[in-house]
Amino acid sequence: LQLEESGGGLVQEGGSLRLTCAASGSTFRDLTMGWFRQAPGKERETVSCFPRNGFDPSYADSVQGRFTISRDNARNTLYLQMNSLKAEDTAMYFCAVGQYPFCSDSWRSWGQGTQVTVSS
């Protein structure tokens, strides 16, 4: 499965961005999908996850209430709507395939990433 992210960019604090992840392959609907981010000098952080097992999506505490993950299985596409962006959201964002049918911090593959920069 190949993943290609888009939608990143430069935005002011309080602004919004919508990230899109286009996935190739026919198994998308059977996969746990999610987003993680990596900022320079910081540990990788799982931002949000949409599990395969039918449970509700999960979010990091740092983005709860501001970010919304969604997926369109017919289009093999994963989205991340990011509202009320803060400077600390600045990072490279990666679309990823989860290791398990439930959400975790383990990812078995990911795309090239899309840069999100929030100016204060």
Protein backbone atom coordinates (compact mmCIF):
# COMPACT_ATOMS: atom_id res chain seq x y z
CA LEU A 1 0.00 0.00 0.00
CA GLN A 2 1.42 3.37 -1.05
CA LEU A 3 0.47 6.52 0.80
CA GLU A 4 0.69 10.11 -0.42
CA GLU A 5 -0.05 13.05 1.84
CA SER A 6 -1.06 16.53 0.78
CA GLY A 7 -2.61 19.65 2.23
CA GLY A 8 0.15 20.92 4.46
CA GLY A 9 1.34 24.50 4.38
CA LEU A 10 1.90 27.69 6.30
CA VAL A 11 -0.98 29.05 8.35
CA GLN A 12 -1.39 31.54 11.17
CA GLU A 13 -2.35 30.51 14.66
CA GLY A 14 -6.07 29.94 14.87
CA GLY A 15 -6.27 28.89 11.26
CA SER A 16 -7.25 25.59 9.68
CA LEU A 17 -5.80 23.04 7.32
CA ARG A 18 -7.11 19.79 5.91
CA LEU A 19 -4.63 17.03 5.27
CA THR A 20 -5.41 14.34 2.74
CA CYS A 21 -3.84 10.92 2.36
CA ALA A 22 -4.41 9.06 -0.87
CA ALA A 23 -3.79 5.34 -0.60
CA SER A 24 -3.26 2.91 -3.43
CA GLY A 25 -4.38 -0.68 -3.23
CA SER A 26 -7.61 -2.46 -2.50
CA THR A 27 -7.10 -3.26 1.18
CA PHE A 28 -7.55 0.26 2.54
CA ARG A 29 -10.90 -0.46 4.14
CA ASP A 30 -9.38 -3.35 6.11
CA LEU A 31 -6.65 -1.27 7.69
CA THR A 32 -6.19 0.77 10.80
CA MET A 33 -5.14 4.20 9.53
CA GLY A 34 -3.86 7.26 11.26
CA TRP A 35 -1.63 10.27 11.42
CA PHE A 36 1.49 10.90 13.39
CA ARG A 37 3.74 13.95 13.46
CA GLN A 38 7.40 14.60 13.95
CA ALA A 39 8.90 17.93 14.89
CA PRO A 40 12.64 18.64 15.02
CA GLY A 41 14.06 17.64 18.38
CA LYS A 42 10.81 16.08 19.52
CA GLU A 43 9.57 12.52 19.76
CA ARG A 44 7.14 11.17 17.22
CA GLU A 45 3.59 11.74 18.35
CA THR A 46 0.52 9.83 17.27
CA VAL A 47 -2.02 12.51 16.44
CA SER A 48 -5.07 10.47 15.56
CA CYS A 49 -6.07 6.98 14.59
CA PHE A 50 -9.03 5.36 12.88
CA PRO A 51 -9.10 1.72 13.91
CA ARG A 52 -10.05 -1.20 11.72
CA ASN A 53 -12.04 -2.81 14.50
CA GLY A 54 -15.00 -0.44 14.29
CA PHE A 55 -14.25 1.45 17.46
CA ASP A 56 -14.34 5.24 17.50
CA PRO A 57 -11.28 7.19 16.35
CA SER A 58 -8.77 8.26 18.95
CA TYR A 59 -6.89 11.53 19.39
CA ALA A 60 -3.87 12.77 21.26
CA ASP A 61 -4.79 14.95 24.22
CA SER A 62 -2.93 17.80 22.56
CA VAL A 63 -5.33 17.88 19.59
CA GLN A 64 -8.58 16.61 21.12
CA GLY A 65 -11.43 18.89 20.17
CA ARG A 66 -9.45 20.64 17.44
CA PHE A 67 -8.62 17.87 14.97
CA THR A 68 -10.99 15.44 13.28
CA ILE A 69 -9.96 12.30 11.44
CA SER A 70 -12.15 10.77 8.78
CA ARG A 71 -11.87 8.22 6.02
CA ASP A 72 -13.56 7.53 2.71
CA ASN A 73 -13.10 3.85 2.00
CA ALA A 74 -14.67 4.17 -1.45
CA ARG A 75 -11.96 6.68 -2.40
CA ASN A 76 -9.13 5.04 -0.42
CA THR A 77 -8.58 8.37 1.28
CA LEU A 78 -7.86 9.45 4.83
CA TYR A 79 -8.34 13.01 6.06
CA LEU A 80 -7.29 15.10 9.00
CA GLN A 81 -9.18 18.33 9.54
CA MET A 82 -7.12 20.61 11.76
CA ASN A 83 -8.78 23.64 13.32
CA SER A 84 -7.63 26.23 15.84
CA LEU A 85 -4.04 25.49 14.95
CA LYS A 86 -1.32 26.41 17.41
CA ALA A 87 2.38 27.06 16.94
CA GLU A 88 3.11 23.78 18.72
CA ASP A 89 1.27 21.90 15.98
CA THR A 90 4.15 22.72 13.64
CA ALA A 91 5.61 19.44 12.42
CA MET A 92 5.87 17.03 9.54
CA TYR A 93 2.66 15.04 9.40
CA PHE A 94 2.64 11.46 8.18
CA CYS A 95 -0.21 9.27 7.10
CA ALA A 96 0.35 5.75 8.34
CA VAL A 97 -0.94 2.20 8.40
CA GLY A 98 -1.42 0.78 11.86
CA GLN A 99 0.26 -2.38 13.01
CA TYR A 100 -2.87 -3.75 14.68
CA PRO A 101 -6.65 -3.77 14.15
CA PHE A 102 -6.85 -1.39 17.11
CA CYS A 103 -5.13 1.95 17.61
CA SER A 104 -1.63 2.05 19.03
CA ASP A 105 1.65 3.90 18.56
CA SER A 106 2.90 1.17 16.22
CA TRP A 107 2.86 1.85 12.51
CA ARG A 108 3.99 -0.56 9.85
CA SER A 109 4.29 1.88 6.94
CA TRP A 110 3.87 5.57 6.19
CA GLY A 111 4.11 8.15 3.46
CA GLN A 112 6.64 10.87 2.77
CA GLY A 113 4.87 13.39 4.95
CA THR A 114 3.51 16.89 4.52
CA GLN A 115 4.86 19.88 6.40
CA VAL A 116 2.55 21.95 8.58
CA THR A 117 3.90 25.25 9.85
CA VAL A 118 1.85 27.43 12.17
CA SER A 119 3.10 30.96 12.68
CA SER A 120 2.48 32.79 15.94
